[in-house]
C-alpha atoms as a PDB file:
ATOM      1  CA  MET A   1     125.622 191.352  -3.744  1.00  0.00           C
ATOM      2  CA  PRO A   2     125.217 192.703  -6.869  1.00  0.00           C
ATOM      3  CA  VAL A   3     123.147 190.601 -10.002  1.00  0.00           C
ATOM      4  CA  THR A   4     124.300 192.032 -13.495  1.00  0.00           C
ATOM      5  CA  THR A   5     122.195 190.284 -16.464  1.00  0.00           C
ATOM      6  CA  ALA A   6     124.931 190.839 -19.640  1.00  0.00           C
ATOM      7  CA  ALA A   7     126.555 189.263 -21.260  1.00  0.00           C
ATOM      8  CA  LEU A   8     130.005 187.475 -20.164  1.00  0.00           C
ATOM      9  CA  THR A   9     133.447 189.699 -20.368  1.00  0.00           C
ATOM     10  CA  VAL A  10     137.081 188.784 -20.218  1.00  0.00           C
ATOM     11  CA  GLY A  11     139.703 190.915 -19.424  1.00  0.00           C
ATOM     12  CA  ALA A  12     143.027 191.414 -19.848  1.00  0.00           C
ATOM     13  CA  GLY A  13     143.341 191.578 -15.754  1.00  0.00           C
ATOM     14  CA  ASP A  14     140.974 188.854 -15.074  1.00  0.00           C
ATOM     15  CA  VAL A  15     141.715 184.753 -13.685  1.00  0.00           C
ATOM     16  CA  VAL A  16     139.120 183.001 -15.016  1.00  0.00           C
ATOM     17  CA  LEU A  17     138.082 180.021 -13.087  1.00  0.00           C
ATOM     18  CA  ALA A  18     136.391 177.956 -16.068  1.00  0.00           C
ATOM     19  CA  ASP A  19     134.911 174.529 -16.252  1.00  0.00           C
ATOM     20  CA  ALA A  20     133.863 171.972 -19.360  1.00  0.00           C
ATOM     21  CA  ALA A  21     130.007 173.309 -18.752  1.00  0.00           C
ATOM     22  CA  ALA A  22     131.781 177.376 -19.708  1.00  0.00           C
ATOM     23  CA  THR A  23     133.704 176.297 -22.465  1.00  0.00           C
ATOM     24  CA  SER A  24     130.739 174.307 -23.637  1.00  0.00           C
ATOM     25  CA  TYR A  25     129.302 177.220 -23.702  1.00  0.00           C
ATOM     26  CA  PHE A  26     131.588 180.322 -24.430  1.00  0.00           C
ATOM     27  CA  ALA A  27     133.831 178.333 -26.588  1.00  0.00           C
ATOM     28  CA  ASP A  28     136.591 181.375 -26.552  1.00  0.00           C
ATOM     29  CA  LEU A  29     137.006 180.285 -23.164  1.00  0.00           C
ATOM     30  CA  ALA A  30     138.847 177.199 -23.727  1.00  0.00           C
ATOM     31  CA  ASP A  31     141.286 178.850 -26.283  1.00  0.00           C
ATOM     32  CA  ARG A  32     142.674 182.047 -24.138  1.00  0.00           C
ATOM     33  CA  PRO A  33     145.174 181.726 -22.543  1.00  0.00           C
ATOM     34  CA  GLY A  34     144.915 181.514 -18.698  1.00  0.00           C
ATOM     35  CA  VAL A  35     142.329 180.085 -17.646  1.00  0.00           C
ATOM     36  CA  VAL A  36     142.163 177.743 -15.316  1.00  0.00           C
ATOM     37  CA  ALA A  37     140.190 174.614 -15.992  1.00  0.00           C
ATOM     38  CA  SER A  38     137.888 173.300 -12.496  1.00  0.00           C
ATOM     39  CA  GLN A  39     136.982 170.297 -12.806  1.00  0.00           C
ATOM     40  CA  TYR A  40     134.646 168.020 -11.156  1.00  0.00           C
ATOM     41  CA  PRO A  41     134.332 167.042  -7.693  1.00  0.00           C
ATOM     42  CA  PRO A  42     135.705 170.764  -6.355  1.00  0.00           C
ATOM     43  CA  ARG A  43     138.428 169.858  -3.750  1.00  0.00           C
ATOM     44  CA  ARG A  44     139.418 172.608  -1.403  1.00  0.00           C
ATOM     45  CA  GLU A  45     143.375 172.523  -2.155  1.00  0.00           C
ATOM     46  CA  ALA A  46     141.814 173.312  -5.692  1.00  0.00           C
ATOM     47  CA  ALA A  47     140.545 176.406  -4.432  1.00  0.00           C
ATOM     48  CA  GLU A  48     144.345 176.762  -2.415  1.00  0.00           C
ATOM     49  CA  ALA A  49     146.173 176.460  -5.738  1.00  0.00           C
ATOM     50  CA  LEU A  50     143.760 178.800  -7.522  1.00  0.00           C
ATOM     51  CA  ALA A  51     144.434 181.754  -4.225  1.00  0.00           C
ATOM     52  CA  ALA A  52     147.950 181.452  -4.776  1.00  0.00           C
ATOM     53  CA  LEU A  53     147.731 181.881  -8.175  1.00  0.00           C
ATOM     54  CA  VAL A  54     145.457 185.009  -7.437  1.00  0.00           C
ATOM     55  CA  GLY A  55     148.118 185.700  -4.526  1.00  0.00           C
ATOM     56  CA  ARG A  56     150.529 186.049  -7.159  1.00  0.00           C
ATOM     57  CA  ARG A  57     149.011 187.822  -9.817  1.00  0.00           C
ATOM     58  CA  ARG A  58     147.028 190.374  -8.465  1.00  0.00           C
ATOM     59  CA  PRO A  59     144.096 190.180 -10.878  1.00  0.00           C
ATOM     60  CA  GLU A  60     141.804 193.366 -11.304  1.00  0.00           C
ATOM     61  CA  ARG A  61     138.505 190.104 -11.225  1.00  0.00           C
ATOM     62  CA  VAL A  62     138.255 186.435  -9.846  1.00  0.00           C
ATOM     63  CA  VAL A  63     135.841 184.322 -13.110  1.00  0.00           C
ATOM     64  CA  ALA A  64     134.700 181.712 -12.370  1.00  0.00           C
ATOM     65  CA  VAL A  65     131.952 179.977 -15.162  1.00  0.00           C
ATOM     66  CA  GLY A  66     130.175 177.078 -15.308  1.00  0.00           C
ATOM     67  CA  ASP A  67     129.303 174.369 -12.458  1.00  0.00           C
ATOM     68  CA  GLY A  68     128.240 175.234  -8.882  1.00  0.00           C
ATOM     69  CA  ALA A  69     130.885 173.610  -7.693  1.00  0.00           C
ATOM     70  CA  THR A  70     133.523 175.419  -9.766  1.00  0.00           C
ATOM     71  CA  LEU A  71     131.821 178.354  -7.906  1.00  0.00           C
ATOM     72  CA  ASP A  72     132.306 177.360  -4.298  1.00  0.00           C
ATOM     73  CA  VAL A  73     136.019 176.684  -5.273  1.00  0.00           C
ATOM     74  CA  ALA A  74     136.487 180.874  -6.478  1.00  0.00           C
ATOM     75  CA  LYS A  75     134.377 182.122  -3.144  1.00  0.00           C
ATOM     76  CA  HIS A  76     136.496 179.638  -1.676  1.00  0.00           C
ATOM     77  CA  ALA A  77     139.712 180.635  -2.764  1.00  0.00           C
ATOM     78  CA  HIS A  78     138.581 184.333  -2.356  1.00  0.00           C
ATOM     79  CA  ALA A  79     140.708 186.625   0.738  1.00  0.00           C
ATOM     80  CA  GLY A  80     139.432 190.049  -0.543  1.00  0.00           C
ATOM     81  CA  GLY A  81     141.150 192.343  -2.615  1.00  0.00           C
ATOM     82  CA  ALA A  82     140.128 191.919  -6.144  1.00  0.00           C
ATOM     83  CA  GLU A  83     136.720 191.604  -7.612  1.00  0.00           C
ATOM     84  CA  LEU A  84     134.624 188.379  -7.714  1.00  0.00           C
ATOM     85  CA  VAL A  85     132.920 187.664 -10.117  1.00  0.00           C
ATOM     86  CA  LEU A  86     130.289 184.183 -10.456  1.00  0.00           C
ATOM     87  CA  VAL A  87     128.858 183.096 -13.762  1.00  0.00           C
ATOM     88  CA  PRO A  88     126.492 180.257 -13.348  1.00  0.00           C
ATOM     89  CA  VAL A  89     125.825 178.215 -16.433  1.00  0.00           C
ATOM     90  CA  GLY A  90     125.495 174.929 -15.402  1.00  0.00           C
ATOM     91  CA  ALA A  91     124.366 172.322 -12.947  1.00  0.00           C
ATOM     92  CA  GLU A  92     123.215 174.115  -8.858  1.00  0.00           C
ATOM     93  CA  PRO A  93     122.822 178.015  -9.693  1.00  0.00           C
ATOM     94  CA  TRP A  94     121.829 178.302  -6.524  1.00  0.00           C
ATOM     95  CA  ARG A  95     125.702 178.030  -5.187  1.00  0.00           C
ATOM     96  CA  ALA A  96     125.782 181.537  -6.946  1.00  0.00           C
ATOM     97  CA  PHE A  97     123.747 182.593  -3.944  1.00  0.00           C
ATOM     98  CA  ALA A  98     124.208 180.140  -0.684  1.00  0.00           C
ATOM     99  CA  PRO A  99     126.641 181.846   2.136  1.00  0.00           C
ATOM    100  CA  PHE A 100     128.967 178.363   2.105  1.00  0.00           C
ATOM    101  CA  THR A 101     130.902 175.990   0.201  1.00  0.00           C
ATOM    102  CA  SER A 102     131.179 172.203   0.243  1.00  0.00           C
ATOM    103  CA  LEU A 103     134.922 170.919  -0.954  1.00  0.00           C
ATOM    104  CA  TYR A 104     135.921 167.614  -0.670  1.00  0.00           C
ATOM    105  CA  GLU A 105     139.131 166.744   0.921  1.00  0.00           C
ATOM    106  CA  PRO A 106     141.899 165.172   1.021  1.00  0.00           C
ATOM    107  CA  SER A 107     140.599 162.594   2.905  1.00  0.00           C
ATOM    108  CA  GLY A 108     137.696 162.469   0.522  1.00  0.00           C
ATOM    109  CA  GLN A 109     134.653 164.195   3.097  1.00  0.00           C
ATOM    110  CA  ARG A 110     133.507 166.771   1.964  1.00  0.00           C
ATOM    111  CA  ILE A 111     132.731 169.712   4.170  1.00  0.00           C
ATOM    112  CA  SER A 112     130.565 172.409   4.401  1.00  0.00           C
ATOM    113  CA  ARG A 113     131.727 176.116   5.200  1.00  0.00           C
ATOM    114  CA  PRO A 114     131.035 179.289   5.570  1.00  0.00           C
ATOM    115  CA  ALA A 115     131.457 181.771   2.832  1.00  0.00           C
ATOM    116  CA  PRO A 116     131.618 185.517   2.900  1.00  0.00           C
ATOM    117  CA  ALA A 117     133.126 186.195  -0.390  1.00  0.00           C
ATOM    118  CA  VAL A 118     129.681 185.581  -1.507  1.00  0.00           C
ATOM    119  CA  ALA A 119     128.553 189.178  -0.585  1.00  0.00           C
ATOM    120  CA  ALA A 120     130.795 190.622  -1.968  1.00  0.00           C
ATOM    121  CA  ALA A 121     130.464 189.147  -5.362  1.00  0.00           C
ATOM    122  CA  ARG A 122     129.170 190.184  -8.482  1.00  0.00           C
ATOM    123  CA  VAL A 123     126.173 187.676 -10.075  1.00  0.00           C
ATOM    124  CA  VAL A 124     126.725 187.147 -13.988  1.00  0.00           C
ATOM    125  CA  ILE A 125     123.593 186.713 -15.786  1.00  0.00           C
ATOM    126  CA  ASP A 126     124.092 185.816 -19.146  1.00  0.00           C
ATOM    127  CA  PRO A 127     120.783 184.640 -21.115  1.00  0.00           C
ATOM    128  CA  ALA A 128     122.140 183.976 -24.641  1.00  0.00           C
ATOM    129  CA  ALA A 129     124.286 181.200 -22.525  1.00  0.00           C
ATOM    130  CA  LEU A 130     121.102 180.070 -20.765  1.00  0.00           C
ATOM    131  CA  SER A 131     119.097 180.490 -23.211  1.00  0.00           C
ATOM    132  CA  ALA A 132     121.712 177.309 -24.781  1.00  0.00           C
ATOM    133  CA  ARG A 133     121.583 174.923 -21.891  1.00  0.00           C
ATOM    134  CA  ALA A 134     120.140 171.814 -23.836  1.00  0.00           C
ATOM    135  CA  ALA A 135     116.714 171.032 -22.353  1.00  0.00           C
ATOM    136  CA  PRO A 136     116.903 168.364 -19.570  1.00  0.00           C
ATOM    137  CA  VAL A 137     119.997 170.137 -18.111  1.00  0.00           C
ATOM    138  CA  ARG A 138     117.477 173.074 -18.270  1.00  0.00           C
ATOM    139  CA  ALA A 139     115.334 171.060 -16.584  1.00  0.00           C
ATOM    140  CA  LEU A 140     116.809 168.731 -14.249  1.00  0.00           C
ATOM    141  CA  GLN A 141     117.461 172.867 -12.936  1.00  0.00           C
ATOM    142  CA  ARG A 142     114.903 173.862 -12.835  1.00  0.00           C
ATOM    143  CA  ALA A 143     113.387 171.036 -10.500  1.00  0.00           C
ATOM    144  CA  ASP A 144     115.793 171.201  -8.605  1.00  0.00           C
ATOM    145  CA  THR A 145     114.444 174.716  -7.812  1.00  0.00           C
ATOM    146  CA  ALA A 146     111.237 173.753  -7.602  1.00  0.00           C
ATOM    147  CA  VAL A 147     112.239 171.162  -4.988  1.00  0.00           C
ATOM    148  CA  HIS A 148     114.067 173.393  -2.820  1.00  0.00           C
ATOM    149  CA  ALA A 149     111.214 175.945  -2.369  1.00  0.00           C
ATOM    150  CA  VAL A 150     108.997 172.619  -2.071  1.00  0.00           C
ATOM    151  CA  GLU A 151     111.445 171.702   1.425  1.00  0.00           C
ATOM    152  CA  VAL A 152     111.835 174.876   2.883  1.00  0.00           C
ATOM    153  CA  LEU A 153     107.614 176.050   2.397  1.00  0.00           C
ATOM    154  CA  LEU A 154     107.545 172.277   4.400  1.00  0.00           C
ATOM    155  CA  SER A 155     109.728 172.971   6.821  1.00  0.00           C
ATOM    156  CA  ARG A 156     108.948 174.384  10.313  1.00  0.00           C
ATOM    157  CA  ARG A 157     111.794 176.801  10.900  1.00  0.00           C
ATOM    158  CA  ALA A 158     110.325 178.610   7.458  1.00  0.00           C
ATOM    159  CA  GLN A 159     109.356 182.578   8.341  1.00  0.00           C
ATOM    160  CA  GLU A 160     107.396 184.626   6.661  1.00  0.00           C
ATOM    161  CA  TRP A 161     110.650 186.417   4.824  1.00  0.00           C
ATOM    162  CA  ASP A 162     112.405 182.557   3.920  1.00  0.00           C
ATOM    163  CA  ARG A 163     108.368 181.203   2.094  1.00  0.00           C
ATOM    164  CA  ALA A 164     108.333 184.584   0.826  1.00  0.00           C
ATOM    165  CA  HIS A 165     111.466 183.437  -1.019  1.00  0.00           C
ATOM    166  CA  ALA A 166     110.779 180.137  -1.555  1.00  0.00           C
ATOM    167  CA  GLY A 167     106.755 181.629  -3.085  1.00  0.00           C
ATOM    168  CA  ALA A 168     108.853 184.208  -5.652  1.00  0.00           C
ATOM    169  CA  ALA A 169     111.095 181.233  -6.750  1.00  0.00           C
ATOM    170  CA  LEU A 170     108.456 179.181  -8.489  1.00  0.00           C
ATOM    171  CA  ALA A 171     106.175 181.863 -10.044  1.00  0.00           C
ATOM    172  CA  ALA A 172     109.992 183.487 -10.660  1.00  0.00           C
ATOM    173  CA  LEU A 173     110.389 179.385 -12.788  1.00  0.00           C
ATOM    174  CA  ARG A 174     106.334 179.305 -13.878  1.00  0.00           C
ATOM    175  CA  ARG A 175     107.661 182.881 -16.133  1.00  0.00           C
ATOM    176  CA  ASP A 176     109.205 180.325 -17.882  1.00  0.00           C
ATOM    177  CA  ARG A 177     112.658 182.737 -19.341  1.00  0.00           C
ATOM    178  CA  PRO A 178     116.241 181.012 -19.073  1.00  0.00           C
ATOM    179  CA  ALA A 179     117.440 184.355 -17.218  1.00  0.00           C
ATOM    180  CA  ASP A 180     114.493 183.447 -14.778  1.00  0.00           C
ATOM    181  CA  ASP A 181     115.797 180.290 -13.771  1.00  0.00           C
ATOM    182  CA  VAL A 182     118.719 181.535 -11.787  1.00  0.00           C
ATOM    183  CA  VAL A 183     116.703 184.313 -10.863  1.00  0.00           C
ATOM    184  CA  ALA A 184     114.820 181.787  -9.494  1.00  0.00           C
ATOM    185  CA  ALA A 185     117.395 180.017  -7.451  1.00  0.00           C
ATOM    186  CA  GLY A 186     119.095 182.742  -6.171  1.00  0.00           C
ATOM    187  CA  LEU A 187     115.593 183.177  -4.020  1.00  0.00           C
ATOM    188  CA  ALA A 188     115.330 179.851  -3.125  1.00  0.00           C
ATOM    189  CA  ALA A 189     119.058 179.050  -1.372  1.00  0.00           C
ATOM    190  CA  THR A 190     117.914 182.539   0.649  1.00  0.00           C
ATOM    191  CA  ALA A 191     115.157 180.556   1.095  1.00  0.00           C
ATOM    192  CA  PHE A 192     116.721 177.267   2.692  1.00  0.00           C
ATOM    193  CA  ALA A 193     120.486 179.429   4.071  1.00  0.00           C
ATOM    194  CA  ALA A 194     118.240 180.218   6.534  1.00  0.00           C
ATOM    195  CA  THR A 195     115.797 177.233   7.134  1.00  0.00           C
ATOM    196  CA  GLY A 196     117.586 173.990   5.900  1.00  0.00           C
ATOM    197  CA  LEU A 197     116.640 171.690   4.083  1.00  0.00           C
ATOM    198  CA  GLY A 198     113.979 168.644   4.246  1.00  0.00           C
ATOM    199  CA  LEU A 199     114.182 164.898   4.386  1.00  0.00           C
ATOM    200  CA  ALA A 200     115.442 165.112  -0.023  1.00  0.00           C
ATOM    201  CA  HIS A 201     118.152 166.963   0.050  1.00  0.00           C
ATOM    202  CA  ALA A 202     119.087 164.746   3.219  1.00  0.00           C
ATOM    203  CA  ALA A 203     119.310 161.830   1.743  1.00  0.00           C
ATOM    204  CA  ALA A 204     120.761 163.516  -1.311  1.00  0.00           C
ATOM    205  CA  SER A 205     123.494 165.224   0.002  1.00  0.00           C
ATOM    206  CA  PRO A 206     124.954 162.338   1.486  1.00  0.00           C
ATOM    207  CA  LEU A 207     124.391 160.998  -1.187  1.00  0.00           C
ATOM    208  CA  GLY A 208     125.554 162.355  -4.097  1.00  0.00           C
ATOM    209  CA  ALA A 209     128.359 162.967  -2.117  1.00  0.00           C
ATOM    210  CA  ALA A 210     129.987 159.175  -1.503  1.00  0.00           C
ATOM    211  CA  ALA A 211     129.335 158.683  -5.612  1.00  0.00           C
ATOM    212  CA  LEU A 212     130.847 162.585  -6.436  1.00  0.00           C
ATOM    213  CA  ARG A 213     127.977 163.199  -8.312  1.00  0.00           C
ATOM    214  CA  THR A 214     126.256 166.716  -7.907  1.00  0.00           C
ATOM    215  CA  HIS A 215     122.644 166.457  -5.461  1.00  0.00           C
ATOM    216  CA  ASP A 216     120.655 167.548  -7.893  1.00  0.00           C
ATOM    217  CA  THR A 217     119.264 163.749  -9.845  1.00  0.00           C
ATOM    218  CA  VAL A 218     119.029 162.572  -6.451  1.00  0.00           C
ATOM    219  CA  ASN A 219     116.628 165.415  -5.313  1.00  0.00           C
ATOM    220  CA  VAL A 220     114.698 165.255  -8.494  1.00  0.00           C
ATOM    221  CA  LEU A 221     114.265 161.521  -8.197  1.00  0.00           C
ATOM    222  CA  LEU A 222     113.985 161.580  -4.232  1.00  0.00           C
ATOM    223  CA  ALA A 223     110.806 163.921  -4.151  1.00  0.00           C
ATOM    224  CA  PRO A 224     108.465 162.990  -4.905  1.00  0.00           C
ATOM    225  CA  TYR A 225     108.499 159.831  -3.043  1.00  0.00           C
ATOM    226  CA  VAL A 226     109.115 163.117   0.092  1.00  0.00           C
ATOM    227  CA  ALA A 227     106.005 163.809  -0.577  1.00  0.00           C
ATOM    228  CA  GLU A 228     103.434 160.445  -0.806  1.00  0.00           C
ATOM    229  CA  PHE A 229     105.769 159.498   2.133  1.00  0.00           C
ATOM    230  CA  TRP A 230     104.755 162.579   4.081  1.00  0.00           C
ATOM    231  CA  GLY A 231     100.745 161.809   2.341  1.00  0.00           C
ATOM    232  CA  ASP A 232      98.058 164.605   4.942  1.00  0.00           C
ATOM    233  CA  ARG A 233     100.282 164.832   7.393  1.00  0.00           C
ATOM    234  CA  ALA A 234     101.755 168.020   5.071  1.00  0.00           C
ATOM    235  CA  ASP A 235      99.754 170.771   4.045  1.00  0.00           C
ATOM    236  CA  TRP A 236     100.038 171.260   0.166  1.00  0.00           C
ATOM    237  CA  THR A 237      98.557 174.725   0.577  1.00  0.00           C
ATOM    238  CA  ALA A 238     101.664 176.862  -0.098  1.00  0.00           C
ATOM    239  CA  VAL A 239     103.615 174.144  -2.313  1.00  0.00           C
ATOM    240  CA  ALA A 240     100.380 173.003  -4.415  1.00  0.00           C
ATOM    241  CA  GLU A 241      99.701 177.161  -6.117  1.00  0.00           C
ATOM    242  CA  GLY A 242     103.420 176.981  -6.130  1.00  0.00           C
ATOM    243  CA  LEU A 243     103.549 174.425  -8.076  1.00  0.00           C
ATOM    244  CA  GLY A 244     100.255 174.556 -10.133  1.00  0.00           C
ATOM    245  CA  ALA A 245      98.711 171.890  -8.807  1.00  0.00           C
ATOM    246  CA  ALA A 246      95.447 170.792  -6.433  1.00  0.00           C
ATOM    247  CA  PRO A 247      96.719 170.857  -2.630  1.00  0.00           C
ATOM    248  CA  ALA A 248      96.692 167.003  -2.258  1.00  0.00           C
ATOM    249  CA  ALA A 249     100.545 164.718  -1.592  1.00  0.00           C
ATOM    250  CA  ALA A 250      99.282 162.808  -4.367  1.00  0.00           C
ATOM    251  CA  ALA A 251      99.309 166.101  -7.005  1.00  0.00           C
ATOM    252  CA  VAL A 252     102.050 167.621  -5.216  1.00  0.00           C
ATOM    253  CA  ALA A 253     103.797 164.101  -6.588  1.00  0.00           C
ATOM    254  CA  GLU A 254     102.528 164.221  -9.933  1.00  0.00           C
ATOM    255  CA  ARG A 255     104.062 167.366 -10.592  1.00  0.00           C
ATOM    256  CA  LEU A 256     107.061 166.627  -9.184  1.00  0.00           C
ATOM    257  CA  ARG A 257     107.380 163.476 -11.155  1.00  0.00           C
ATOM    258  CA  GLY A 258     106.076 165.422 -14.118  1.00  0.00           C
ATOM    259  CA  LEU A 259     109.634 167.878 -13.539  1.00  0.00           C
ATOM    260  CA  ALA A 260     111.537 164.781 -13.110  1.00  0.00           C
ATOM    261  CA  ALA A 261     110.633 163.418 -16.653  1.00  0.00           C
ATOM    262  CA  ALA A 262     111.262 166.364 -18.305  1.00  0.00           C
ATOM    263  CA  ALA A 263     114.195 165.453 -16.829  1.00  0.00           C
ATOM    264  CA  ARG A 264     115.591 163.300 -17.651  1.00  0.00           C
ATOM    265  CA  VAL A 265     116.138 161.820 -13.751  1.00  0.00           C
ATOM    266  CA  PRO A 266     115.379 158.205 -13.503  1.00  0.00           C
ATOM    267  CA  ALA A 267     112.771 157.207 -11.263  1.00  0.00           C
ATOM    268  CA  THR A 268     114.518 155.085  -8.853  1.00  0.00           C
ATOM    269  CA  LEU A 269     117.729 154.932  -7.071  1.00  0.00           C
ATOM    270  CA  GLY A 270     118.244 151.906  -7.829  1.00  0.00           C
ATOM    271  CA  ALA A 271     118.348 153.107 -11.531  1.00  0.00           C
ATOM    272  CA  ALA A 272     120.639 156.052 -10.396  1.00  0.00           C
ATOM    273  CA  GLY A 273     122.980 153.469 -10.254  1.00  0.00           C
ATOM    274  CA  PHE A 274     122.702 153.612  -6.398  1.00  0.00           C
ATOM    275  CA  GLY A 275     123.107 150.103  -4.379  1.00  0.00           C
ATOM    276  CA  TRP A 276     120.925 149.353  -1.479  1.00  0.00           C
ATOM    277  CA  ASP A 277     124.632 149.683   1.147  1.00  0.00           C
ATOM    278  CA  SER A 278     125.251 153.232  -0.073  1.00  0.00           C
ATOM    279  CA  VAL A 279     121.867 153.830   0.694  1.00  0.00           C
ATOM    280  CA  THR A 280     121.784 152.850   4.357  1.00  0.00           C
ATOM    281  CA  ALA A 281     125.232 153.706   4.096  1.00  0.00           C
ATOM    282  CA  ALA A 282     124.207 156.761   3.472  1.00  0.00           C
ATOM    283  CA  ILE A 283     120.720 157.044   6.552  1.00  0.00           C
ATOM    284  CA  PRO A 284     123.016 157.837   9.783  1.00  0.00           C
ATOM    285  CA  ALA A 285     124.244 161.439   7.915  1.00  0.00           C
ATOM    286  CA  ALA A 286     121.005 161.773   6.340  1.00  0.00           C
ATOM    287  CA  LEU A 287     119.319 162.222   9.675  1.00  0.00           C
ATOM    288  CA  ARG A 288     121.970 164.572  11.398  1.00  0.00           C
ATOM    289  CA  SER A 289     120.587 167.523   8.120  1.00  0.00           C
ATOM    290  CA  SER A 290     120.088 170.627   9.454  1.00  0.00           C
ATOM    291  CA  GLY A 291     116.642 170.598   7.842  1.00  0.00           C
ATOM    292  CA  MET A 292     115.822 167.603  10.183  1.00  0.00           C
ATOM    293  CA  PRO A 293     114.809 168.193  13.288  1.00  0.00           C
ATOM    294  CA  TRP A 294     111.755 170.951  11.540  1.00  0.00           C
ATOM    295  CA  LEU A 295     110.297 168.356   9.152  1.00  0.00           C
ATOM    296  CA  PRO A 296     106.412 168.521   9.739  1.00  0.00           C
ATOM    297  CA  GLU A 297     107.198 165.548  11.880  1.00  0.00           C
ATOM    298  CA  PRO A 298     109.775 164.188  12.794  1.00  0.00           C
ATOM    299  CA  VAL A 299     111.267 161.509  10.645  1.00  0.00           C
ATOM    300  CA  ASP A 300     114.087 158.253  12.944  1.00  0.00           C
ATOM    301  CA  ALA A 301     115.660 155.375  10.733  1.00  0.00           C
ATOM    302  CA  ALA A 302     113.633 153.557  10.334  1.00  0.00           C
ATOM    303  CA  GLY A 303     110.950 155.421   8.400  1.00  0.00           C
ATOM    304  CA  LEU A 304     113.628 157.185   6.263  1.00  0.00           C
ATOM    305  CA  HIS A 305     115.268 153.145   6.081  1.00  0.00           C
ATOM    306  CA  ALA A 306     111.425 152.580   3.993  1.00  0.00           C
ATOM    307  CA  LEU A 307     110.932 155.800   2.470  1.00  0.00           C
ATOM    308  CA  LEU A 308     114.342 155.443   0.143  1.00  0.00           C
ATOM    309  CA  ARG A 309     113.635 151.680   0.440  1.00  0.00           C
ATOM    310  CA  ARG A 310     111.074 152.451  -1.770  1.00  0.00           C
ATOM    311  CA  ALA A 311     112.925 155.449  -3.352  1.00  0.00           C
ATOM    312  CA  TRP A 312     115.179 152.516  -4.525  1.00  0.00           C
ATOM    313  CA  ALA A 313     112.695 149.433  -5.899  1.00  0.00           C
ATOM    314  CA  GLY A 314     110.257 151.721  -7.427  1.00  0.00           C
END
């Protein structure tokens, strides 16, 4: 996967898929003829419509600009021929690097599938667009990446190279440069694609999917509660080094709460608008998450219920 740091350029022979995040940073896209508008949530039928359009036009490139959801639509639609260019400027930039897509079916179910197209895709990191993000938007993306890296470092499945990628992601975040935010997201995605994710993401994914919301806010909200849940049952040495915290659950939780506060993430699931019934409804799917067998210790439904109750009520 080639990665380029450059200003976005769009040619006359390109098909462009752009969402609201894209047009807020690249005003010319809003008025450009032929730009395909992308909306959340990402749906399989939108990917199929894009694939049909690309088949008719036979463009030189398919350029997807915006949130991770928009990038997933383009990844699913891509069938070869045209070059696929992914320009992450909105939520969930890690999806530019993830070897899978997550799209909603007509039934409303969200399905994740392998995305072989990502191997040959070009990722364009546009520093000017990334620098224009509002502070809370940038803070949320950075906090979500940090949680991804933390959960890799806690996974019993993580190998030496997975830990290296997760540590490098946290190091990239510490450099505090907008372009490095996307680099960090890609490093963390490379790691968690191999290990699966941990407890925060396991619950955040079905909660977000049911509410038609990206998982990032919920992931960041849950992370400090998860750290407290693990307590001294987890080895915090590598996590603490990456976050710049003391190697103890309380210190890690405090650091994660600071990241959440910078992103203006609500302190509890209740404050974020989730009813308790919707929280408990997510537990079965959370327990099936790919990373669950590799947590520091096994977690059953009762343990997850207690964790989420605390995260819901505070």
